[in-house]
């Protein structure tokens, strides 16, 4: 199975397999790439206060933003729980930060209808850029560190 059944995005395994091809291509062309780690803020509170079905609706809506506002050179996937990863080939830091801010704003503007009424959610995003040939794990680690920096700085932020 390659798709996350809830969101329709690539699941973690498929995302990492596809990433291997993207990175090999980037290395061959000497191109950089960016990784965005996207984590929904206080998502556990949504599940606890409104139920898991409301949480599922939020996850599907966020996946819709990720898949609907991207180009074909961007590879989004559900990384786990309420975390998403976006791999952007041929991307330098300014473009990655701009796209991350666009996604952060679009997600914050979502209004998801649930049985408990309309819900909104914010997201924190960590951004890192990899050089040609750099291992994905190292870039994901830096993006994850940037994500934690965004969370510690107040959430609903983009950090690199």
N, C-alpha and C. Protein backbone atom coordinates (compact mmCIF):
# COMPACT_ATOMS: atom_id res chain seq x y z
N UNK A 1 0.85 -1.18 0.00
CA UNK A 1 0.00 0.00 0.00
C UNK A 1 0.90 1.25 0.00
N UNK A 2 0.55 2.20 -0.82
CA UNK A 2 1.37 3.41 -0.93
C UNK A 2 0.68 4.66 -0.39
N UNK A 3 -0.63 4.59 -0.21
CA UNK A 3 -1.38 5.77 0.22
C UNK A 3 -1.89 5.60 1.64
N UNK A 4 -1.85 6.69 2.37
CA UNK A 4 -2.45 6.74 3.69
C UNK A 4 -3.96 6.68 3.48
N UNK A 5 -4.62 5.75 4.13
CA UNK A 5 -6.05 5.54 3.88
C UNK A 5 -6.90 6.72 4.34
N UNK A 6 -6.47 7.46 5.32
CA UNK A 6 -7.26 8.59 5.83
C UNK A 6 -7.12 9.82 4.95
N UNK A 7 -5.89 10.15 4.59
CA UNK A 7 -5.64 11.43 3.90
C UNK A 7 -5.49 11.30 2.39
N UNK A 8 -5.19 10.11 1.90
CA UNK A 8 -4.95 9.93 0.48
C UNK A 8 -3.54 10.33 0.03
N UNK A 9 -2.76 10.89 0.95
CA UNK A 9 -1.37 11.25 0.63
C UNK A 9 -0.51 9.99 0.68
N UNK A 10 0.73 10.09 0.18
CA UNK A 10 1.65 8.97 0.35
C UNK A 10 1.81 8.67 1.83
N UNK A 11 1.88 7.37 2.16
CA UNK A 11 2.21 7.02 3.54
C UNK A 11 3.73 7.15 3.71
N UNK A 12 4.20 7.02 4.92
CA UNK A 12 5.61 7.27 5.22
C UNK A 12 6.54 6.40 4.38
N UNK A 13 6.24 5.11 4.29
CA UNK A 13 7.09 4.21 3.52
C UNK A 13 7.16 4.57 2.05
N UNK A 14 6.01 4.83 1.45
CA UNK A 14 5.98 5.20 0.04
C UNK A 14 6.66 6.55 -0.18
N UNK A 15 6.44 7.47 0.74
CA UNK A 15 7.07 8.78 0.64
C UNK A 15 8.59 8.65 0.64
N UNK A 16 9.13 7.83 1.52
CA UNK A 16 10.57 7.66 1.60
C UNK A 16 11.11 6.94 0.36
N UNK A 17 10.36 5.98 -0.17
CA UNK A 17 10.79 5.31 -1.40
C UNK A 17 10.83 6.30 -2.56
N UNK A 18 9.78 7.09 -2.72
CA UNK A 18 9.76 8.10 -3.79
C UNK A 18 10.85 9.14 -3.57
N UNK A 19 11.10 9.48 -2.33
CA UNK A 19 12.14 10.47 -2.02
C UNK A 19 13.49 9.99 -2.50
N UNK A 20 13.75 8.70 -2.40
CA UNK A 20 15.02 8.16 -2.89
C UNK A 20 15.24 8.46 -4.36
N UNK A 21 14.19 8.35 -5.17
CA UNK A 21 14.29 8.66 -6.60
C UNK A 21 14.51 10.15 -6.82
N UNK A 22 13.79 10.97 -6.08
CA UNK A 22 13.91 12.43 -6.20
C UNK A 22 15.32 12.87 -5.84
N UNK A 23 15.86 12.32 -4.75
CA UNK A 23 17.20 12.70 -4.31
C UNK A 23 18.28 12.22 -5.27
N UNK A 24 18.11 11.03 -5.83
CA UNK A 24 19.08 10.54 -6.82
C UNK A 24 19.10 11.46 -8.04
N UNK A 25 17.93 11.90 -8.46
CA UNK A 25 17.83 12.81 -9.59
C UNK A 25 18.47 14.16 -9.25
N UNK A 26 18.20 14.66 -8.05
CA UNK A 26 18.77 15.94 -7.63
C UNK A 26 20.30 15.85 -7.57
N UNK A 27 20.81 14.74 -7.06
CA UNK A 27 22.26 14.56 -6.98
C UNK A 27 22.88 14.54 -8.37
N UNK A 28 22.23 13.84 -9.29
CA UNK A 28 22.76 13.74 -10.66
C UNK A 28 22.80 15.11 -11.34
N UNK A 29 21.86 15.96 -11.01
CA UNK A 29 21.81 17.28 -11.63
C UNK A 29 22.49 18.37 -10.79
N UNK A 30 22.98 18.00 -9.61
CA UNK A 30 23.62 18.99 -8.75
C UNK A 30 22.64 19.99 -8.17
N UNK A 31 21.41 19.56 -7.93
CA UNK A 31 20.35 20.45 -7.45
C UNK A 31 20.11 20.24 -5.96
N UNK A 32 19.73 21.31 -5.29
CA UNK A 32 19.36 21.21 -3.88
C UNK A 32 17.89 20.82 -3.77
N UNK A 33 17.49 20.49 -2.57
CA UNK A 33 16.10 20.14 -2.30
C UNK A 33 15.75 20.60 -0.89
N UNK A 34 14.47 20.77 -0.65
CA UNK A 34 14.02 21.22 0.67
C UNK A 34 13.08 20.19 1.27
N UNK A 35 13.08 20.17 2.60
CA UNK A 35 12.17 19.33 3.37
C UNK A 35 11.40 20.24 4.31
N UNK A 36 10.08 20.10 4.30
CA UNK A 36 9.21 20.78 5.25
C UNK A 36 8.61 19.74 6.16
N UNK A 37 8.83 19.88 7.46
CA UNK A 37 8.16 19.05 8.47
C UNK A 37 7.00 19.89 8.99
N UNK A 38 5.81 19.36 8.84
CA UNK A 38 4.58 20.09 9.13
C UNK A 38 3.85 19.35 10.25
N UNK A 39 3.62 20.03 11.35
CA UNK A 39 2.98 19.40 12.50
C UNK A 39 1.81 20.27 12.95
N UNK A 40 0.65 19.65 13.13
CA UNK A 40 -0.53 20.39 13.56
C UNK A 40 -0.40 20.74 15.05
N UNK A 41 -0.67 21.99 15.37
CA UNK A 41 -0.52 22.47 16.75
C UNK A 41 -1.66 21.96 17.62
N UNK A 42 -1.30 21.47 18.79
CA UNK A 42 -2.27 21.05 19.81
C UNK A 42 -3.35 20.10 19.25
N UNK A 43 -2.92 19.20 18.40
CA UNK A 43 -3.87 18.29 17.76
C UNK A 43 -4.50 17.33 18.76
N UNK A 44 -3.75 16.92 19.76
CA UNK A 44 -4.29 16.02 20.78
C UNK A 44 -5.50 16.63 21.46
N UNK A 45 -5.47 17.94 21.66
CA UNK A 45 -6.62 18.62 22.29
C UNK A 45 -7.86 18.54 21.40
N UNK A 46 -7.67 18.59 20.09
CA UNK A 46 -8.81 18.46 19.18
C UNK A 46 -9.42 17.08 19.35
N UNK A 47 -8.58 16.03 19.32
CA UNK A 47 -9.10 14.68 19.51
C UNK A 47 -9.75 14.51 20.87
N UNK A 48 -9.12 15.05 21.92
CA UNK A 48 -9.65 14.90 23.27
C UNK A 48 -10.96 15.67 23.47
N UNK A 49 -11.05 16.87 22.91
CA UNK A 49 -12.22 17.72 23.14
C UNK A 49 -13.36 17.50 22.17
N UNK A 50 -13.04 17.10 20.94
CA UNK A 50 -14.08 17.01 19.90
C UNK A 50 -14.23 15.60 19.33
N UNK A 51 -13.33 14.71 19.66
CA UNK A 51 -13.41 13.33 19.19
C UNK A 51 -12.51 13.06 17.99
N UNK A 52 -12.24 11.79 17.80
CA UNK A 52 -11.32 11.39 16.73
C UNK A 52 -11.90 11.61 15.34
N UNK A 53 -13.20 11.57 15.19
CA UNK A 53 -13.78 11.84 13.87
C UNK A 53 -13.54 13.29 13.46
N UNK A 54 -13.64 14.21 14.42
CA UNK A 54 -13.32 15.61 14.13
C UNK A 54 -11.84 15.74 13.77
N UNK A 55 -10.99 15.03 14.51
CA UNK A 55 -9.56 15.04 14.20
C UNK A 55 -9.28 14.50 12.80
N UNK A 56 -9.99 13.43 12.43
CA UNK A 56 -9.84 12.87 11.09
C UNK A 56 -10.24 13.88 10.03
N UNK A 57 -11.33 14.60 10.28
CA UNK A 57 -11.77 15.63 9.32
C UNK A 57 -10.71 16.72 9.15
N UNK A 58 -10.08 17.09 10.25
CA UNK A 58 -9.00 18.09 10.19
C UNK A 58 -7.83 17.55 9.35
N UNK A 59 -7.44 16.30 9.61
CA UNK A 59 -6.32 15.71 8.87
C UNK A 59 -6.62 15.65 7.37
N UNK A 60 -7.84 15.29 7.01
CA UNK A 60 -8.21 15.24 5.59
C UNK A 60 -8.19 16.64 4.98
N UNK A 61 -8.66 17.62 5.71
CA UNK A 61 -8.67 19.00 5.19
C UNK A 61 -7.26 19.52 4.99
N UNK A 62 -6.38 19.24 5.94
CA UNK A 62 -4.98 19.67 5.81
C UNK A 62 -4.32 18.96 4.63
N UNK A 63 -4.59 17.67 4.47
CA UNK A 63 -4.05 16.93 3.32
C UNK A 63 -4.54 17.55 2.02
N UNK A 64 -5.78 18.02 2.00
CA UNK A 64 -6.31 18.69 0.81
C UNK A 64 -5.54 19.96 0.49
N UNK A 65 -5.18 20.71 1.53
CA UNK A 65 -4.36 21.92 1.32
C UNK A 65 -3.00 21.53 0.75
N UNK A 66 -2.38 20.51 1.35
CA UNK A 66 -1.05 20.10 0.90
C UNK A 66 -1.06 19.62 -0.55
N UNK A 67 -2.04 18.83 -0.91
CA UNK A 67 -2.06 18.29 -2.27
C UNK A 67 -2.62 19.28 -3.28
N UNK A 68 -3.43 20.22 -2.85
CA UNK A 68 -4.08 21.13 -3.77
C UNK A 68 -3.31 22.37 -4.14
N UNK A 69 -2.28 22.69 -3.37
CA UNK A 69 -1.58 23.96 -3.62
C UNK A 69 -0.13 23.76 -4.02
N UNK A 70 0.18 22.58 -4.51
CA UNK A 70 1.58 22.26 -4.80
C UNK A 70 1.79 21.99 -6.28
N UNK A 71 3.04 22.08 -6.68
CA UNK A 71 3.40 21.74 -8.04
C UNK A 71 3.78 20.27 -8.12
N UNK A 72 3.96 19.79 -9.32
CA UNK A 72 4.28 18.37 -9.50
C UNK A 72 5.68 18.01 -8.99
N UNK A 73 6.52 19.01 -8.74
CA UNK A 73 7.87 18.71 -8.24
C UNK A 73 7.90 18.63 -6.71
N UNK A 74 6.74 18.75 -6.07
CA UNK A 74 6.65 18.64 -4.61
C UNK A 74 6.00 17.32 -4.27
N UNK A 75 6.53 16.66 -3.25
CA UNK A 75 6.06 15.34 -2.87
C UNK A 75 5.56 15.39 -1.41
N UNK A 76 4.24 15.46 -1.21
CA UNK A 76 3.71 15.48 0.16
C UNK A 76 3.35 14.09 0.65
N UNK A 77 3.47 13.88 1.95
CA UNK A 77 3.05 12.61 2.54
C UNK A 77 2.75 12.77 4.00
N UNK A 78 2.01 11.81 4.52
CA UNK A 78 1.73 11.77 5.95
C UNK A 78 2.89 11.02 6.60
N UNK A 79 3.58 11.70 7.49
CA UNK A 79 4.78 11.13 8.10
C UNK A 79 4.43 10.33 9.34
N UNK A 80 3.33 10.67 9.97
CA UNK A 80 2.89 9.94 11.15
C UNK A 80 1.96 10.81 11.98
N UNK A 81 0.91 10.23 12.53
CA UNK A 81 0.00 10.98 13.38
C UNK A 81 -0.49 12.23 12.70
N UNK A 82 -0.18 13.38 13.32
CA UNK A 82 -0.56 14.67 12.76
C UNK A 82 0.62 15.37 12.10
N UNK A 83 1.63 14.59 11.72
CA UNK A 83 2.82 15.14 11.07
C UNK A 83 2.83 14.80 9.59
N UNK A 84 3.18 15.80 8.80
CA UNK A 84 3.29 15.64 7.36
C UNK A 84 4.71 16.04 6.96
N UNK A 85 5.18 15.47 5.85
CA UNK A 85 6.47 15.85 5.30
C UNK A 85 6.25 16.26 3.86
N UNK A 86 6.90 17.33 3.47
CA UNK A 86 6.83 17.78 2.08
C UNK A 86 8.26 17.87 1.56
N UNK A 87 8.53 17.10 0.51
CA UNK A 87 9.83 17.12 -0.16
C UNK A 87 9.69 17.98 -1.41
N UNK A 88 10.57 18.97 -1.53
CA UNK A 88 10.51 19.91 -2.64
C UNK A 88 11.81 19.82 -3.43
N UNK A 89 11.75 19.25 -4.63
CA UNK A 89 12.97 19.15 -5.45
C UNK A 89 13.27 20.50 -6.09
N UNK A 90 14.54 20.69 -6.43
CA UNK A 90 15.00 21.93 -7.09
C UNK A 90 14.56 23.17 -6.33
N UNK A 91 14.76 23.17 -5.02
CA UNK A 91 14.26 24.27 -4.21
C UNK A 91 15.35 24.80 -3.28
N UNK A 92 15.50 26.10 -3.30
CA UNK A 92 16.42 26.79 -2.39
C UNK A 92 15.63 27.30 -1.19
N UNK A 93 16.34 27.75 -0.15
CA UNK A 93 15.70 28.15 1.10
C UNK A 93 14.65 29.25 0.93
N UNK A 94 14.91 30.33 0.20
CA UNK A 94 13.87 31.37 0.10
C UNK A 94 12.53 30.85 -0.45
N UNK A 95 12.60 30.00 -1.46
CA UNK A 95 11.38 29.44 -2.04
C UNK A 95 10.71 28.49 -1.05
N UNK A 96 11.50 27.69 -0.36
CA UNK A 96 10.95 26.76 0.63
C UNK A 96 10.25 27.52 1.75
N UNK A 97 10.86 28.59 2.22
CA UNK A 97 10.25 29.39 3.29
C UNK A 97 8.96 30.05 2.81
N UNK A 98 8.97 30.53 1.58
CA UNK A 98 7.78 31.16 1.02
C UNK A 98 6.64 30.15 0.91
N UNK A 99 6.94 28.95 0.42
CA UNK A 99 5.92 27.91 0.30
C UNK A 99 5.42 27.48 1.67
N UNK A 100 6.33 27.36 2.64
CA UNK A 100 5.94 26.98 3.99
C UNK A 100 4.99 28.02 4.59
N UNK A 101 5.29 29.28 4.40
CA UNK A 101 4.43 30.34 4.92
C UNK A 101 3.06 30.31 4.23
N UNK A 102 3.06 30.05 2.94
CA UNK A 102 1.79 29.92 2.20
C UNK A 102 0.96 28.78 2.79
N UNK A 103 1.58 27.64 3.04
CA UNK A 103 0.87 26.50 3.61
C UNK A 103 0.38 26.79 5.03
N UNK A 104 1.24 27.43 5.83
CA UNK A 104 0.86 27.76 7.20
C UNK A 104 -0.39 28.64 7.21
N UNK A 105 -0.40 29.65 6.35
CA UNK A 105 -1.54 30.56 6.28
C UNK A 105 -2.79 29.84 5.78
N UNK A 106 -2.65 29.02 4.74
CA UNK A 106 -3.80 28.31 4.18
C UNK A 106 -4.41 27.36 5.21
N UNK A 107 -3.57 26.70 5.99
CA UNK A 107 -4.08 25.78 7.01
C UNK A 107 -4.77 26.56 8.12
N UNK A 108 -4.20 27.68 8.54
CA UNK A 108 -4.81 28.50 9.59
C UNK A 108 -6.16 29.06 9.15
N UNK A 109 -6.35 29.24 7.85
CA UNK A 109 -7.61 29.78 7.33
C UNK A 109 -8.67 28.71 7.11
N UNK A 110 -8.30 27.43 7.25
CA UNK A 110 -9.27 26.34 7.10
C UNK A 110 -10.34 26.43 8.18
N UNK A 111 -11.56 26.20 7.79
CA UNK A 111 -12.65 26.02 8.76
C UNK A 111 -13.27 24.67 8.42
N UNK A 112 -13.15 23.74 9.35
CA UNK A 112 -13.61 22.37 9.13
C UNK A 112 -14.90 22.18 9.92
N UNK A 113 -15.95 21.78 9.21
CA UNK A 113 -17.24 21.55 9.85
C UNK A 113 -17.23 20.17 10.52
N UNK A 114 -17.66 20.15 11.78
CA UNK A 114 -17.76 18.90 12.52
C UNK A 114 -19.11 18.86 13.23
N UNK A 115 -19.42 17.73 13.84
CA UNK A 115 -20.66 17.62 14.60
C UNK A 115 -20.69 18.60 15.78
N UNK A 116 -19.51 19.01 16.23
CA UNK A 116 -19.41 19.95 17.35
C UNK A 116 -19.34 21.40 16.88
N UNK A 117 -19.49 21.61 15.60
CA UNK A 117 -19.39 22.96 15.05
C UNK A 117 -18.10 23.14 14.28
N UNK A 118 -17.87 24.35 13.78
CA UNK A 118 -16.68 24.60 12.98
C UNK A 118 -15.40 24.60 13.83
N UNK A 119 -14.36 24.00 13.29
CA UNK A 119 -13.06 23.95 13.97
C UNK A 119 -11.99 24.54 13.07
N UNK A 120 -10.98 25.11 13.70
CA UNK A 120 -9.80 25.58 12.99
C UNK A 120 -8.58 24.94 13.63
N UNK A 121 -7.48 24.99 12.93
CA UNK A 121 -6.23 24.43 13.43
C UNK A 121 -5.08 25.27 12.89
N UNK A 122 -4.01 25.31 13.64
CA UNK A 122 -2.80 25.96 13.14
C UNK A 122 -1.71 24.90 13.02
N UNK A 123 -0.63 25.31 12.38
CA UNK A 123 0.47 24.37 12.15
C UNK A 123 1.80 25.07 12.37
N UNK A 124 2.75 24.30 12.80
CA UNK A 124 4.14 24.75 12.88
C UNK A 124 4.92 23.99 11.82
N UNK A 125 5.84 24.70 11.16
CA UNK A 125 6.56 24.08 10.04
C UNK A 125 8.06 24.32 10.20
N UNK A 126 8.82 23.24 10.11
CA UNK A 126 10.27 23.32 10.10
C UNK A 126 10.78 23.12 8.69
N UNK A 127 11.73 23.96 8.28
CA UNK A 127 12.25 23.93 6.92
C UNK A 127 13.76 23.70 6.94
N UNK A 128 14.22 22.82 6.08
CA UNK A 128 15.66 22.60 5.90
C UNK A 128 15.94 22.33 4.43
N UNK A 129 17.11 22.74 3.98
CA UNK A 129 17.51 22.52 2.59
C UNK A 129 18.70 21.58 2.57
N UNK A 130 18.63 20.61 1.66
CA UNK A 130 19.72 19.66 1.48
C UNK A 130 20.53 19.99 0.24
N UNK A 131 21.80 19.74 0.34
CA UNK A 131 22.69 19.94 -0.80
C UNK A 131 22.70 18.68 -1.65
N UNK A 132 23.12 18.78 -2.92
CA UNK A 132 23.14 17.59 -3.77
C UNK A 132 23.95 16.46 -3.13
N UNK A 133 23.33 15.30 -3.02
CA UNK A 133 24.00 14.14 -2.45
C UNK A 133 23.86 14.01 -0.95
N UNK A 134 23.31 15.02 -0.28
CA UNK A 134 23.16 14.93 1.18
C UNK A 134 22.04 13.96 1.52
N UNK A 135 22.26 13.15 2.53
CA UNK A 135 21.28 12.13 2.94
C UNK A 135 19.99 12.78 3.43
N UNK A 136 18.88 12.20 3.03
CA UNK A 136 17.58 12.70 3.43
C UNK A 136 17.44 12.73 4.96
N UNK A 137 17.95 11.70 5.62
CA UNK A 137 17.81 11.62 7.08
C UNK A 137 18.39 12.85 7.77
N UNK A 138 19.52 13.35 7.27
CA UNK A 138 20.15 14.52 7.88
C UNK A 138 19.29 15.77 7.68
N UNK A 139 18.70 15.89 6.51
CA UNK A 139 17.88 17.07 6.21
C UNK A 139 16.56 16.98 6.98
N UNK A 140 15.98 15.80 7.07
CA UNK A 140 14.76 15.63 7.87
C UNK A 140 15.05 15.97 9.33
N UNK A 141 16.20 15.56 9.82
CA UNK A 141 16.58 15.86 11.21
C UNK A 141 16.65 17.38 11.43
N UNK A 142 17.26 18.10 10.50
CA UNK A 142 17.34 19.56 10.64
C UNK A 142 15.96 20.21 10.54
N UNK A 143 15.12 19.69 9.64
CA UNK A 143 13.76 20.22 9.52
C UNK A 143 12.98 19.95 10.81
N UNK A 144 13.19 18.79 11.40
CA UNK A 144 12.53 18.44 12.65
C UNK A 144 13.00 19.36 13.78
N UNK A 145 14.29 19.65 13.83
CA UNK A 145 14.80 20.59 14.84
C UNK A 145 14.19 21.97 14.64
N UNK A 146 14.06 22.41 13.40
CA UNK A 146 13.44 23.70 13.11
C UNK A 146 11.97 23.68 13.52
N UNK A 147 11.30 22.55 13.31
CA UNK A 147 9.91 22.41 13.73
C UNK A 147 9.79 22.61 15.24
N UNK A 148 10.67 21.98 16.00
CA UNK A 148 10.62 22.14 17.46
C UNK A 148 10.91 23.58 17.86
N UNK A 149 11.76 24.24 17.12
CA UNK A 149 12.03 25.66 17.37
C UNK A 149 10.76 26.49 17.16
N UNK A 150 10.03 26.18 16.10
CA UNK A 150 8.76 26.89 15.83
C UNK A 150 7.76 26.64 16.95
N UNK A 151 7.70 25.41 17.43
CA UNK A 151 6.78 25.08 18.53
C UNK A 151 7.17 25.84 19.80
N UNK A 152 8.46 25.83 20.11
CA UNK A 152 8.95 26.50 21.33
C UNK A 152 8.80 28.02 21.26
N UNK A 153 8.74 28.56 20.04
CA UNK A 153 8.62 30.01 19.86
C UNK A 153 7.17 30.49 19.84
N UNK A 154 6.22 29.56 20.07
CA UNK A 154 4.84 29.98 20.18
C UNK A 154 3.87 29.31 19.25
N UNK A 155 4.32 28.45 18.38
CA UNK A 155 3.46 27.72 17.43
C UNK A 155 2.90 28.63 16.34
N UNK A 156 2.28 27.99 15.34
CA UNK A 156 1.73 28.69 14.18
C UNK A 156 2.81 29.53 13.51
N UNK A 157 4.01 28.93 13.38
CA UNK A 157 5.16 29.62 12.83
C UNK A 157 5.91 28.71 11.84
N UNK A 158 6.72 29.37 11.02
CA UNK A 158 7.66 28.67 10.14
C UNK A 158 9.05 28.99 10.67
N UNK A 159 9.90 27.97 10.79
CA UNK A 159 11.27 28.17 11.24
C UNK A 159 12.21 27.35 10.37
N UNK A 160 13.46 27.83 10.26
CA UNK A 160 14.48 27.08 9.51
C UNK A 160 15.77 27.10 10.29
